[in-house]
PDB file of all heavy atoms in Angstrom:
ATOM      1  N   VAL A   1     127.928  56.460  90.504  1.00  0.00           N
ATOM      2  CA  VAL A   1     129.167  57.220  90.651  1.00  0.00           C
ATOM      3  C   VAL A   1     129.218  58.351  89.617  1.00  0.00           C
ATOM      4  O   VAL A   1     128.585  58.287  88.569  1.00  0.00           O
ATOM      5  CB  VAL A   1     130.419  56.329  90.479  1.00  0.00           C
ATOM      6  CG1 VAL A   1     130.447  55.234  91.507  1.00  0.00           C
ATOM      7  CG2 VAL A   1     130.490  55.772  89.056  1.00  0.00           C
ATOM      8  N   VAL A   2     130.001  59.382  89.965  1.00  0.00           N
ATOM      9  CA  VAL A   2     130.368  60.422  88.999  1.00  0.00           C
ATOM     10  C   VAL A   2     131.795  60.142  88.575  1.00  0.00           C
ATOM     11  O   VAL A   2     132.690  60.045  89.429  1.00  0.00           O
ATOM     12  CB  VAL A   2     130.254  61.821  89.643  1.00  0.00           C
ATOM     13  CG1 VAL A   2     130.882  62.880  88.709  1.00  0.00           C
ATOM     14  CG2 VAL A   2     128.788  62.184  89.924  1.00  0.00           C
ATOM     15  N   LYS A   3     131.991  60.042  87.285  1.00  0.00           N
ATOM     16  CA  LYS A   3     133.333  59.722  86.779  1.00  0.00           C
ATOM     17  C   LYS A   3     134.123  60.990  86.407  1.00  0.00           C
ATOM     18  O   LYS A   3     135.359  60.971  86.376  1.00  0.00           O
ATOM     19  CB  LYS A   3     133.243  58.776  85.586  1.00  0.00           C
ATOM     20  CG  LYS A   3     132.630  57.441  86.000  1.00  0.00           C
ATOM     21  CD  LYS A   3     132.365  56.530  84.824  1.00  0.00           C
ATOM     22  CE  LYS A   3     131.703  55.232  85.306  1.00  0.00           C
ATOM     23  NZ  LYS A   3     131.361  54.316  84.207  1.00  0.00           N
ATOM     24  N   LYS A   4     133.375  62.066  86.172  1.00  0.00           N
ATOM     25  CA  LYS A   4     134.040  63.342  85.854  1.00  0.00           C
ATOM     26  C   LYS A   4     133.119  64.478  86.287  1.00  0.00           C
ATOM     27  O   LYS A   4     131.954  64.500  85.922  1.00  0.00           O
ATOM     28  CB  LYS A   4     134.359  63.451  84.359  1.00  0.00           C
ATOM     29  CG  LYS A   4     135.090  64.721  83.975  1.00  0.00           C
ATOM     30  CD  LYS A   4     135.371  64.754  82.483  1.00  0.00           C
ATOM     31  CE  LYS A   4     136.103  66.036  82.112  1.00  0.00           C
ATOM     32  NZ  LYS A   4     136.353  66.135  80.651  1.00  0.00           N
ATOM     33  N   PHE A   5     133.674  65.422  87.029  1.00  0.00           N
ATOM     34  CA  PHE A   5     132.902  66.584  87.456  1.00  0.00           C
ATOM     35  C   PHE A   5     132.897  67.670  86.386  1.00  0.00           C
ATOM     36  O   PHE A   5     133.756  67.640  85.494  1.00  0.00           O
ATOM     37  CB  PHE A   5     133.491  67.161  88.747  1.00  0.00           C
ATOM     38  CG  PHE A   5     133.174  66.362  89.981  1.00  0.00           C
ATOM     39  CD1 PHE A   5     134.178  65.867  90.776  1.00  0.00           C
ATOM     40  CD2 PHE A   5     131.867  66.145  90.351  1.00  0.00           C
ATOM     41  CE1 PHE A   5     133.904  65.143  91.921  1.00  0.00           C
ATOM     42  CE2 PHE A   5     131.569  65.408  91.506  1.00  0.00           C
ATOM     43  CZ  PHE A   5     132.587  64.941  92.288  1.00  0.00           C
ATOM     44  N   PRO A   6     131.975  68.611  86.475  1.00  0.00           N
ATOM     45  CA  PRO A   6     132.039  69.793  85.594  1.00  0.00           C
ATOM     46  C   PRO A   6     133.377  70.503  85.761  1.00  0.00           C
ATOM     47  O   PRO A   6     134.089  70.331  86.766  1.00  0.00           O
ATOM     48  CB  PRO A   6     130.876  70.670  86.100  1.00  0.00           C
ATOM     49  CG  PRO A   6     129.930  69.725  86.764  1.00  0.00           C
ATOM     50  CD  PRO A   6     130.798  68.640  87.380  1.00  0.00           C
ATOM     51  N   SER A   7     133.724  71.320  84.781  1.00  0.00           N
ATOM     52  CA  SER A   7     135.000  72.008  84.761  1.00  0.00           C
ATOM     53  C   SER A   7     135.298  72.695  86.080  1.00  0.00           C
ATOM     54  O   SER A   7     134.440  73.386  86.656  1.00  0.00           O
ATOM     55  CB  SER A   7     134.978  73.070  83.644  1.00  0.00           C
ATOM     56  OG  SER A   7     136.164  73.800  83.626  1.00  0.00           O
ATOM     57  N   ASN A   8     136.495  72.498  86.589  1.00  0.00           N
ATOM     58  CA  ASN A   8     137.099  73.063  87.789  1.00  0.00           C
ATOM     59  C   ASN A   8     136.485  72.570  89.103  1.00  0.00           C
ATOM     60  O   ASN A   8     136.846  73.030  90.179  1.00  0.00           O
ATOM     61  CB  ASN A   8     137.185  74.597  87.740  1.00  0.00           C
ATOM     62  CG  ASN A   8     135.889  75.314  88.118  1.00  0.00           C
ATOM     63  OD1 ASN A   8     134.854  74.696  88.434  1.00  0.00           O
ATOM     64  ND2 ASN A   8     135.921  76.634  88.073  1.00  0.00           N
ATOM     65  N   TYR A   9     135.532  71.653  89.065  1.00  0.00           N
ATOM     66  CA  TYR A   9     135.001  71.074  90.299  1.00  0.00           C
ATOM     67  C   TYR A   9     135.978  69.972  90.771  1.00  0.00           C
ATOM     68  O   TYR A   9     136.472  69.178  89.978  1.00  0.00           O
ATOM     69  CB  TYR A   9     133.650  70.408  90.076  1.00  0.00           C
ATOM     70  CG  TYR A   9     132.459  71.333  89.956  1.00  0.00           C
ATOM     71  CD1 TYR A   9     132.573  72.636  89.536  1.00  0.00           C
ATOM     72  CD2 TYR A   9     131.184  70.864  90.303  1.00  0.00           C
ATOM     73  CE1 TYR A   9     131.489  73.466  89.433  1.00  0.00           C
ATOM     74  CE2 TYR A   9     130.074  71.698  90.193  1.00  0.00           C
ATOM     75  CZ  TYR A   9     130.217  72.999  89.753  1.00  0.00           C
ATOM     76  OH  TYR A   9     129.117  73.810  89.650  1.00  0.00           O
ATOM     77  N   GLN A  10     136.197  69.909  92.069  1.00  0.00           N
ATOM     78  CA  GLN A  10     136.997  68.841  92.655  1.00  0.00           C
ATOM     79  C   GLN A  10     136.184  67.903  93.523  1.00  0.00           C
ATOM     80  O   GLN A  10     136.681  66.858  93.943  1.00  0.00           O
ATOM     81  CB  GLN A  10     138.138  69.463  93.515  1.00  0.00           C
ATOM     82  CG  GLN A  10     139.045  70.396  92.731  1.00  0.00           C
ATOM     83  CD  GLN A  10     139.780  69.686  91.616  1.00  0.00           C
ATOM     84  OE1 GLN A  10     140.261  68.569  91.785  1.00  0.00           O
ATOM     85  NE2 GLN A  10     139.846  70.332  90.462  1.00  0.00           N
ATOM     86  N   TRP A  11     134.930  68.237  93.805  1.00  0.00           N
ATOM     87  CA  TRP A  11     134.084  67.469  94.697  1.00  0.00           C
ATOM     88  C   TRP A  11     132.617  67.784  94.384  1.00  0.00           C
ATOM     89  O   TRP A  11     132.312  68.760  93.697  1.00  0.00           O
ATOM     90  CB  TRP A  11     134.389  67.762  96.179  1.00  0.00           C
ATOM     91  CG  TRP A  11     134.540  69.245  96.480  1.00  0.00           C
ATOM     92  CD1 TRP A  11     135.688  69.957  96.488  1.00  0.00           C
ATOM     93  CD2 TRP A  11     133.476  70.179  96.758  1.00  0.00           C
ATOM     94  NE1 TRP A  11     135.415  71.288  96.773  1.00  0.00           N
ATOM     95  CE2 TRP A  11     134.071  71.445  96.959  1.00  0.00           C
ATOM     96  CE3 TRP A  11     132.094  70.070  96.869  1.00  0.00           C
ATOM     97  CZ2 TRP A  11     133.324  72.593  97.243  1.00  0.00           C
ATOM     98  CZ3 TRP A  11     131.333  71.201  97.155  1.00  0.00           C
ATOM     99  CH2 TRP A  11     131.976  72.443  97.341  1.00  0.00           C
ATOM    100  N   GLY A  12     131.743  66.938  94.920  1.00  0.00           N
ATOM    101  CA  GLY A  12     130.326  67.178  94.764  1.00  0.00           C
ATOM    102  C   GLY A  12     129.611  67.001  96.092  1.00  0.00           C
ATOM    103  O   GLY A  12     130.176  66.491  97.060  1.00  0.00           O
ATOM    104  N   ILE A  13     128.352  67.451  96.144  1.00  0.00           N
ATOM    105  CA  ILE A  13     127.497  67.271  97.311  1.00  0.00           C
ATOM    106  C   ILE A  13     126.323  66.401  96.886  1.00  0.00           C
ATOM    107  O   ILE A  13     125.600  66.726  95.935  1.00  0.00           O
ATOM    108  CB  ILE A  13     126.957  68.626  97.838  1.00  0.00           C
ATOM    109  CG1 ILE A  13     128.124  69.550  98.211  1.00  0.00           C
ATOM    110  CG2 ILE A  13     126.026  68.388  99.025  1.00  0.00           C
ATOM    111  CD1 ILE A  13     128.917  69.130  99.424  1.00  0.00           C
ATOM    112  N   PHE A  14     126.092  65.310  97.595  1.00  0.00           N
ATOM    113  CA  PHE A  14     125.042  64.379  97.240  1.00  0.00           C
ATOM    114  C   PHE A  14     123.683  64.877  97.705  1.00  0.00           C
ATOM    115  O   PHE A  14     123.500  65.296  98.857  1.00  0.00           O
ATOM    116  CB  PHE A  14     125.327  63.016  97.862  1.00  0.00           C
ATOM    117  CG  PHE A  14     124.311  61.947  97.557  1.00  0.00           C
ATOM    118  CD1 PHE A  14     123.917  61.714  96.240  1.00  0.00           C
ATOM    119  CD2 PHE A  14     123.725  61.185  98.551  1.00  0.00           C
ATOM    120  CE1 PHE A  14     122.980  60.743  95.927  1.00  0.00           C
ATOM    121  CE2 PHE A  14     122.800  60.213  98.277  1.00  0.00           C
ATOM    122  CZ  PHE A  14     122.414  59.979  96.951  1.00  0.00           C
ATOM    123  N   ALA A  15     122.696  64.815  96.794  1.00  0.00           N
ATOM    124  CA  ALA A  15     121.320  65.187  97.108  1.00  0.00           C
ATOM    125  C   ALA A  15     120.384  64.437  96.178  1.00  0.00           C
ATOM    126  O   ALA A  15     120.788  63.886  95.162  1.00  0.00           O
ATOM    127  CB  ALA A  15     121.113  66.705  96.986  1.00  0.00           C
ATOM    128  N   GLY A  16     119.106  64.408  96.544  1.00  0.00           N
ATOM    129  CA  GLY A  16     118.104  63.729  95.717  1.00  0.00           C
ATOM    130  C   GLY A  16     117.685  62.377  96.249  1.00  0.00           C
ATOM    131  O   GLY A  16     116.808  61.734  95.687  1.00  0.00           O
ATOM    132  N   LEU A  17     118.315  61.946  97.313  1.00  0.00           N
ATOM    133  CA  LEU A  17     118.027  60.619  97.881  1.00  0.00           C
ATOM    134  C   LEU A  17     116.584  60.487  98.325  1.00  0.00           C
ATOM    135  O   LEU A  17     115.991  59.411  98.177  1.00  0.00           O
ATOM    136  CB  LEU A  17     118.970  60.326  99.050  1.00  0.00           C
ATOM    137  CG  LEU A  17     118.756  59.007  99.825  1.00  0.00           C
ATOM    138  CD1 LEU A  17     118.971  57.807  98.891  1.00  0.00           C
ATOM    139  CD2 LEU A  17     119.678  58.935 101.022  1.00  0.00           C
ATOM    140  N   ASP A  18     116.026  61.553  98.881  1.00  0.00           N
ATOM    141  CA  ASP A  18     114.647  61.464  99.372  1.00  0.00           C
ATOM    142  C   ASP A  18     113.667  61.049  98.290  1.00  0.00           C
ATOM    143  O   ASP A  18     112.784  60.213  98.498  1.00  0.00           O
ATOM    144  CB  ASP A  18     114.218  62.802  99.988  1.00  0.00           C
ATOM    145  CG  ASP A  18     114.108  63.925  98.940  1.00  0.00           C
ATOM    146  OD1 ASP A  18     114.978  64.002  98.059  1.00  0.00           O
ATOM    147  OD2 ASP A  18     113.150  64.707  99.014  1.00  0.00           O
ATOM    148  N   GLU A  19     113.845  61.570  97.073  1.00  0.00           N
ATOM    149  CA  GLU A  19     112.907  61.227  95.987  1.00  0.00           C
ATOM    150  C   GLU A  19     113.216  59.850  95.429  1.00  0.00           C
ATOM    151  O   GLU A  19     112.298  59.151  94.952  1.00  0.00           O
ATOM    152  CB  GLU A  19     112.998  62.296  94.910  1.00  0.00           C
ATOM    153  CG  GLU A  19     112.400  63.635  95.366  1.00  0.00           C
ATOM    154  CD  GLU A  19     112.325  64.643  94.242  1.00  0.00           C
ATOM    155  OE1 GLU A  19     113.368  65.006  93.695  1.00  0.00           O
ATOM    156  OE2 GLU A  19     111.190  65.087  93.937  1.00  0.00           O
ATOM    157  N   VAL A  20     114.480  59.445  95.463  1.00  0.00           N
ATOM    158  CA  VAL A  20     114.804  58.064  95.035  1.00  0.00           C
ATOM    159  C   VAL A  20     114.109  57.076  95.946  1.00  0.00           C
ATOM    160  O   VAL A  20     113.511  56.082  95.478  1.00  0.00           O
ATOM    161  CB  VAL A  20     116.332  57.843  95.054  1.00  0.00           C
ATOM    162  CG1 VAL A  20     116.635  56.365  94.809  1.00  0.00           C
ATOM    163  CG2 VAL A  20     117.024  58.691  94.004  1.00  0.00           C
ATOM    164  N   LEU A  21     114.134  57.304  97.243  1.00  0.00           N
ATOM    165  CA  LEU A  21     113.502  56.396  98.185  1.00  0.00           C
ATOM    166  C   LEU A  21     111.967  56.393  98.002  1.00  0.00           C
ATOM    167  O   LEU A  21     111.336  55.353  98.111  1.00  0.00           O
ATOM    168  CB  LEU A  21     113.842  56.785  99.615  1.00  0.00           C
ATOM    169  CG  LEU A  21     115.337  56.649  99.983  1.00  0.00           C
ATOM    170  CD1 LEU A  21     115.580  57.101 101.418  1.00  0.00           C
ATOM    171  CD2 LEU A  21     115.802  55.214  99.800  1.00  0.00           C
ATOM    172  N   THR A  22     111.412  57.551  97.658  1.00  0.00           N
ATOM    173  CA  THR A  22     109.979  57.607  97.365  1.00  0.00           C
ATOM    174  C   THR A  22     109.664  56.792  96.124  1.00  0.00           C
ATOM    175  O   THR A  22     108.674  56.048  96.086  1.00  0.00           O
ATOM    176  CB  THR A  22     109.530  59.055  97.127  1.00  0.00           C
ATOM    177  OG1 THR A  22     109.731  59.799  98.345  1.00  0.00           O
ATOM    178  CG2 THR A  22     108.070  59.140  96.740  1.00  0.00           C
ATOM    179  N   LEU A  23     110.522  56.895  95.104  1.00  0.00           N
ATOM    180  CA  LEU A  23     110.301  56.175  93.864  1.00  0.00           C
ATOM    181  C   LEU A  23     110.369  54.664  94.078  1.00  0.00           C
ATOM    182  O   LEU A  23     109.587  53.902  93.500  1.00  0.00           O
ATOM    183  CB  LEU A  23     111.353  56.599  92.852  1.00  0.00           C
ATOM    184  CG  LEU A  23     111.349  55.928  91.480  1.00  0.00           C
ATOM    185  CD1 LEU A  23     110.015  56.235  90.733  1.00  0.00           C
ATOM    186  CD2 LEU A  23     112.523  56.373  90.648  1.00  0.00           C
ATOM    187  N   LEU A  24     111.298  54.212  94.893  1.00  0.00           N
ATOM    188  CA  LEU A  24     111.535  52.772  95.059  1.00  0.00           C
ATOM    189  C   LEU A  24     110.748  52.164  96.213  1.00  0.00           C
ATOM    190  O   LEU A  24     110.843  50.969  96.471  1.00  0.00           O
ATOM    191  CB  LEU A  24     113.028  52.527  95.296  1.00  0.00           C
ATOM    192  CG  LEU A  24     113.976  52.940  94.144  1.00  0.00           C
ATOM    193  CD1 LEU A  24     115.393  52.661  94.504  1.00  0.00           C
ATOM    194  CD2 LEU A  24     113.587  52.240  92.842  1.00  0.00           C
ATOM    195  N   GLU A  25     109.970  52.962  96.900  1.00  0.00           N
ATOM    196  CA  GLU A  25     109.213  52.512  98.052  1.00  0.00           C
ATOM    197  C   GLU A  25     108.296  51.330  97.672  1.00  0.00           C
ATOM    198  O   GLU A  25     107.600  51.362  96.685  1.00  0.00           O
ATOM    199  CB  GLU A  25     108.339  53.639  98.614  1.00  0.00           C
ATOM    200  CG  GLU A  25     107.625  53.304  99.903  1.00  0.00           C
ATOM    201  CD  GLU A  25     106.849  54.474 100.459  1.00  0.00           C
ATOM    202  OE1 GLU A  25     106.729  55.500  99.735  1.00  0.00           O
ATOM    203  OE2 GLU A  25     106.351  54.382 101.577  1.00  0.00           O
ATOM    204  N   GLY A  26     108.409  50.274  98.471  1.00  0.00           N
ATOM    205  CA  GLY A  26     107.559  49.104  98.224  1.00  0.00           C
ATOM    206  C   GLY A  26     108.180  48.061  97.326  1.00  0.00           C
ATOM    207  O   GLY A  26     107.633  46.956  97.182  1.00  0.00           O
ATOM    208  N   LEU A  27     109.316  48.362  96.715  1.00  0.00           N
ATOM    209  CA  LEU A  27     109.979  47.395  95.833  1.00  0.00           C
ATOM    210  C   LEU A  27     110.915  46.503  96.653  1.00  0.00           C
ATOM    211  O   LEU A  27     111.496  46.926  97.661  1.00  0.00           O
ATOM    212  CB  LEU A  27     110.779  48.117  94.746  1.00  0.00           C
ATOM    213  CG  LEU A  27     109.993  48.955  93.747  1.00  0.00           C
ATOM    214  CD1 LEU A  27     110.954  49.569  92.732  1.00  0.00           C
ATOM    215  CD2 LEU A  27     108.942  48.139  93.045  1.00  0.00           C
ATOM    216  N   PRO A  28     111.122  45.252  96.219  1.00  0.00           N
ATOM    217  CA  PRO A  28     111.977  44.332  96.962  1.00  0.00           C
ATOM    218  C   PRO A  28     113.450  44.556  96.625  1.00  0.00           C
ATOM    219  O   PRO A  28     114.150  43.681  96.073  1.00  0.00           O
ATOM    220  CB  PRO A  28     111.502  42.962  96.486  1.00  0.00           C
ATOM    221  CG  PRO A  28     111.024  43.203  95.077  1.00  0.00           C
ATOM    222  CD  PRO A  28     110.413  44.587  95.099  1.00  0.00           C
ATOM    223  N   VAL A  29     113.934  45.751  96.931  1.00  0.00           N
ATOM    224  CA  VAL A  29     115.329  46.105  96.673  1.00  0.00           C
ATOM    225  C   VAL A  29     115.929  46.674  97.950  1.00  0.00           C
ATOM    226  O   VAL A  29     115.223  47.162  98.841  1.00  0.00           O
ATOM    227  CB  VAL A  29     115.471  47.124  95.530  1.00  0.00           C
ATOM    228  CG1 VAL A  29     114.935  46.552  94.218  1.00  0.00           C
ATOM    229  CG2 VAL A  29     114.762  48.446  95.860  1.00  0.00           C
ATOM    230  N   THR A  30     117.247  46.653  98.013  1.00  0.00           N
ATOM    231  CA  THR A  30     117.998  47.231  99.156  1.00  0.00           C
ATOM    232  C   THR A  30     118.753  48.443  98.649  1.00  0.00           C
ATOM    233  O   THR A  30     119.541  48.336  97.705  1.00  0.00           O
ATOM    234  CB  THR A  30     118.960  46.204  99.747  1.00  0.00           C
ATOM    235  OG1 THR A  30     118.226  45.076 100.219  1.00  0.00           O
ATOM    236  CG2 THR A  30     119.738  46.813 100.911  1.00  0.00           C
ATOM    237  N   VAL A  31     118.540  49.597  99.291  1.00  0.00           N
ATOM    238  CA  VAL A  31     119.213  50.825  98.909  1.00  0.00           C
ATOM    239  C   VAL A  31     120.172  51.234 100.054  1.00  0.00           C
ATOM    240  O   VAL A  31     119.742  51.303 101.214  1.00  0.00           O
ATOM    241  CB  VAL A  31     118.232  51.964  98.636  1.00  0.00           C
ATOM    242  CG1 VAL A  31     118.982  53.254  98.251  1.00  0.00           C
ATOM    243  CG2 VAL A  31     117.241  51.563  97.546  1.00  0.00           C
ATOM    244  N   LYS A  32     121.406  51.439  99.728  1.00  0.00           N
ATOM    245  CA  LYS A  32     122.382  51.973 100.676  1.00  0.00           C
ATOM    246  C   LYS A  32     122.952  53.261 100.067  1.00  0.00           C
ATOM    247  O   LYS A  32     123.285  53.269  98.877  1.00  0.00           O
ATOM    248  CB  LYS A  32     123.484  50.968 100.957  1.00  0.00           C
ATOM    249  CG  LYS A  32     123.020  49.690 101.626  1.00  0.00           C
ATOM    250  CD  LYS A  32     124.182  48.734 101.871  1.00  0.00           C
ATOM    251  CE  LYS A  32     123.697  47.432 102.509  1.00  0.00           C
ATOM    252  NZ  LYS A  32     124.823  46.478 102.687  1.00  0.00           N
ATOM    253  N   ALA A  33     123.064  54.310 100.885  1.00  0.00           N
ATOM    254  CA  ALA A  33     123.511  55.589 100.328  1.00  0.00           C
ATOM    255  C   ALA A  33     124.195  56.440 101.373  1.00  0.00           C
ATOM    256  O   ALA A  33     123.966  56.290 102.583  1.00  0.00           O
ATOM    257  CB  ALA A  33     122.327  56.337  99.726  1.00  0.00           C
ATOM    258  N   MET A  34     125.015  57.369 100.880  1.00  0.00           N
ATOM    259  CA  MET A  34     125.541  58.416 101.737  1.00  0.00           C
ATOM    260  C   MET A  34     124.380  59.285 102.205  1.00  0.00           C
ATOM    261  O   MET A  34     123.384  59.445 101.485  1.00  0.00           O
ATOM    262  CB  MET A  34     126.492  59.328 100.936  1.00  0.00           C
ATOM    263  CG  MET A  34     127.741  58.689 100.440  1.00  0.00           C
ATOM    264  SD  MET A  34     128.671  59.910  99.453  1.00  0.00           S
ATOM    265  CE  MET A  34     130.191  58.972  99.175  1.00  0.00           C
ATOM    266  N   PRO A  35     124.485  59.892 103.359  1.00  0.00           N
ATOM    267  CA  PRO A  35     123.479  60.889 103.741  1.00  0.00           C
ATOM    268  C   PRO A  35     123.520  62.070 102.781  1.00  0.00           C
ATOM    269  O   PRO A  35     124.592  62.434 102.272  1.00  0.00           O
ATOM    270  CB  PRO A  35     123.913  61.324 105.144  1.00  0.00           C
ATOM    271  CG  PRO A  35     124.812  60.232 105.644  1.00  0.00           C
ATOM    272  CD  PRO A  35     125.477  59.677 104.430  1.00  0.00           C
ATOM    273  N   GLU A  36     122.370  62.651 102.513  1.00  0.00           N
ATOM    274  CA  GLU A  36     122.356  63.848 101.672  1.00  0.00           C
ATOM    275  C   GLU A  36     123.191  64.943 102.352  1.00  0.00           C
ATOM    276  O   GLU A  36     123.197  65.089 103.561  1.00  0.00           O
ATOM    277  CB  GLU A  36     120.921  64.349 101.481  1.00  0.00           C
ATOM    278  CG  GLU A  36     120.123  63.410 100.587  1.00  0.00           C
ATOM    279  CD  GLU A  36     118.728  63.951 100.334  1.00  0.00           C
ATOM    280  OE1 GLU A  36     117.933  64.005 101.316  1.00  0.00           O
ATOM    281  OE2 GLU A  36     118.415  64.298  99.181  1.00  0.00           O
ATOM    282  N   GLY A  37     123.910  65.715 101.533  1.00  0.00           N
ATOM    283  CA  GLY A  37     124.798  66.732 102.057  1.00  0.00           C
ATOM    284  C   GLY A  37     126.224  66.275 102.214  1.00  0.00           C
ATOM    285  O   GLY A  37     127.099  67.073 102.558  1.00  0.00           O
ATOM    286  N   THR A  38     126.470  64.989 101.920  1.00  0.00           N
ATOM    287  CA  THR A  38     127.834  64.438 102.031  1.00  0.00           C
ATOM    288  C   THR A  38     128.700  64.892 100.846  1.00  0.00           C
ATOM    289  O   THR A  38     128.250  64.908  99.712  1.00  0.00           O
ATOM    290  CB  THR A  38     127.783  62.905 102.072  1.00  0.00           C
ATOM    291  OG1 THR A  38     127.018  62.480 103.183  1.00  0.00           O
ATOM    292  CG2 THR A  38     129.189  62.321 102.184  1.00  0.00           C
ATOM    293  N   VAL A  39     129.948  65.237 101.151  1.00  0.00           N
ATOM    294  CA  VAL A  39     130.916  65.553 100.105  1.00  0.00           C
ATOM    295  C   VAL A  39     131.485  64.260  99.523  1.00  0.00           C
ATOM    296  O   VAL A  39     131.805  63.332 100.282  1.00  0.00           O
ATOM    297  CB  VAL A  39     132.073  66.413 100.678  1.00  0.00           C
ATOM    298  CG1 VAL A  39     133.096  66.700  99.588  1.00  0.00           C
ATOM    299  CG2 VAL A  39     131.534  67.695 101.274  1.00  0.00           C
ATOM    300  N   PHE A  40     131.572  64.176  98.201  1.00  0.00           N
ATOM    301  CA  PHE A  40     132.136  62.983  97.576  1.00  0.00           C
ATOM    302  C   PHE A  40     133.039  63.348  96.415  1.00  0.00           C
ATOM    303  O   PHE A  40     132.968  64.471  95.896  1.00  0.00           O
ATOM    304  CB  PHE A  40     131.025  62.037  97.115  1.00  0.00           C
ATOM    305  CG  PHE A  40     130.184  62.579  95.980  1.00  0.00           C
ATOM    306  CD1 PHE A  40     130.501  62.305  94.653  1.00  0.00           C
ATOM    307  CD2 PHE A  40     129.070  63.369  96.227  1.00  0.00           C
ATOM    308  CE1 PHE A  40     129.735  62.809  93.614  1.00  0.00           C
ATOM    309  CE2 PHE A  40     128.312  63.884  95.194  1.00  0.00           C
ATOM    310  CZ  PHE A  40     128.619  63.609  93.878  1.00  0.00           C
ATOM    311  N   LYS A  41     133.863  62.424  96.013  1.00  0.00           N
ATOM    312  CA  LYS A  41     134.811  62.619  94.926  1.00  0.00           C
ATOM    313  C   LYS A  41     134.448  61.720  93.727  1.00  0.00           C
ATOM    314  O   LYS A  41     133.534  60.925  93.806  1.00  0.00           O
ATOM    315  CB  LYS A  41     136.243  62.282  95.406  1.00  0.00           C
ATOM    316  CG  LYS A  41     136.730  63.100  96.579  1.00  0.00           C
ATOM    317  CD  LYS A  41     136.948  64.547  96.207  1.00  0.00           C
ATOM    318  CE  LYS A  41     137.554  65.357  97.358  1.00  0.00           C
ATOM    319  NZ  LYS A  41     138.946  64.991  97.630  1.00  0.00           N
ATOM    320  N   THR A  42     135.178  61.864  92.641  1.00  0.00           N
ATOM    321  CA  THR A  42     134.922  61.035  91.475  1.00  0.00           C
ATOM    322  C   THR A  42     135.136  59.568  91.777  1.00  0.00           C
ATOM    323  O   THR A  42     135.999  59.212  92.604  1.00  0.00           O
ATOM    324  CB  THR A  42     135.839  61.439  90.297  1.00  0.00           C
ATOM    325  OG1 THR A  42     137.193  61.410  90.727  1.00  0.00           O
ATOM    326  CG2 THR A  42     135.507  62.824  89.765  1.00  0.00           C
ATOM    327  N   ASN A  43     134.364  58.725  91.129  1.00  0.00           N
ATOM    328  CA  ASN A  43     134.443  57.269  91.240  1.00  0.00           C
ATOM    329  C   ASN A  43     134.146  56.754  92.643  1.00  0.00           C
ATOM    330  O   ASN A  43     134.431  55.590  92.963  1.00  0.00           O
ATOM    331  CB  ASN A  43     135.805  56.758  90.769  1.00  0.00           C
ATOM    332  CG  ASN A  43     136.047  57.067  89.301  1.00  0.00           C
ATOM    333  OD1 ASN A  43     135.231  56.745  88.451  1.00  0.00           O
ATOM    334  ND2 ASN A  43     137.159  57.732  89.006  1.00  0.00           N
TER     335      ASN A  43
END
């Protein structure tokens, strides 16, 4: 989660998931995530 955005931001856009999945590929973990490009708020 993001608990505080940079000054005057009210929302963020999620990205970077593709590389996270590459990093965790083959590990016995479950990843659930918003699609990249999704708008999200703090917390």
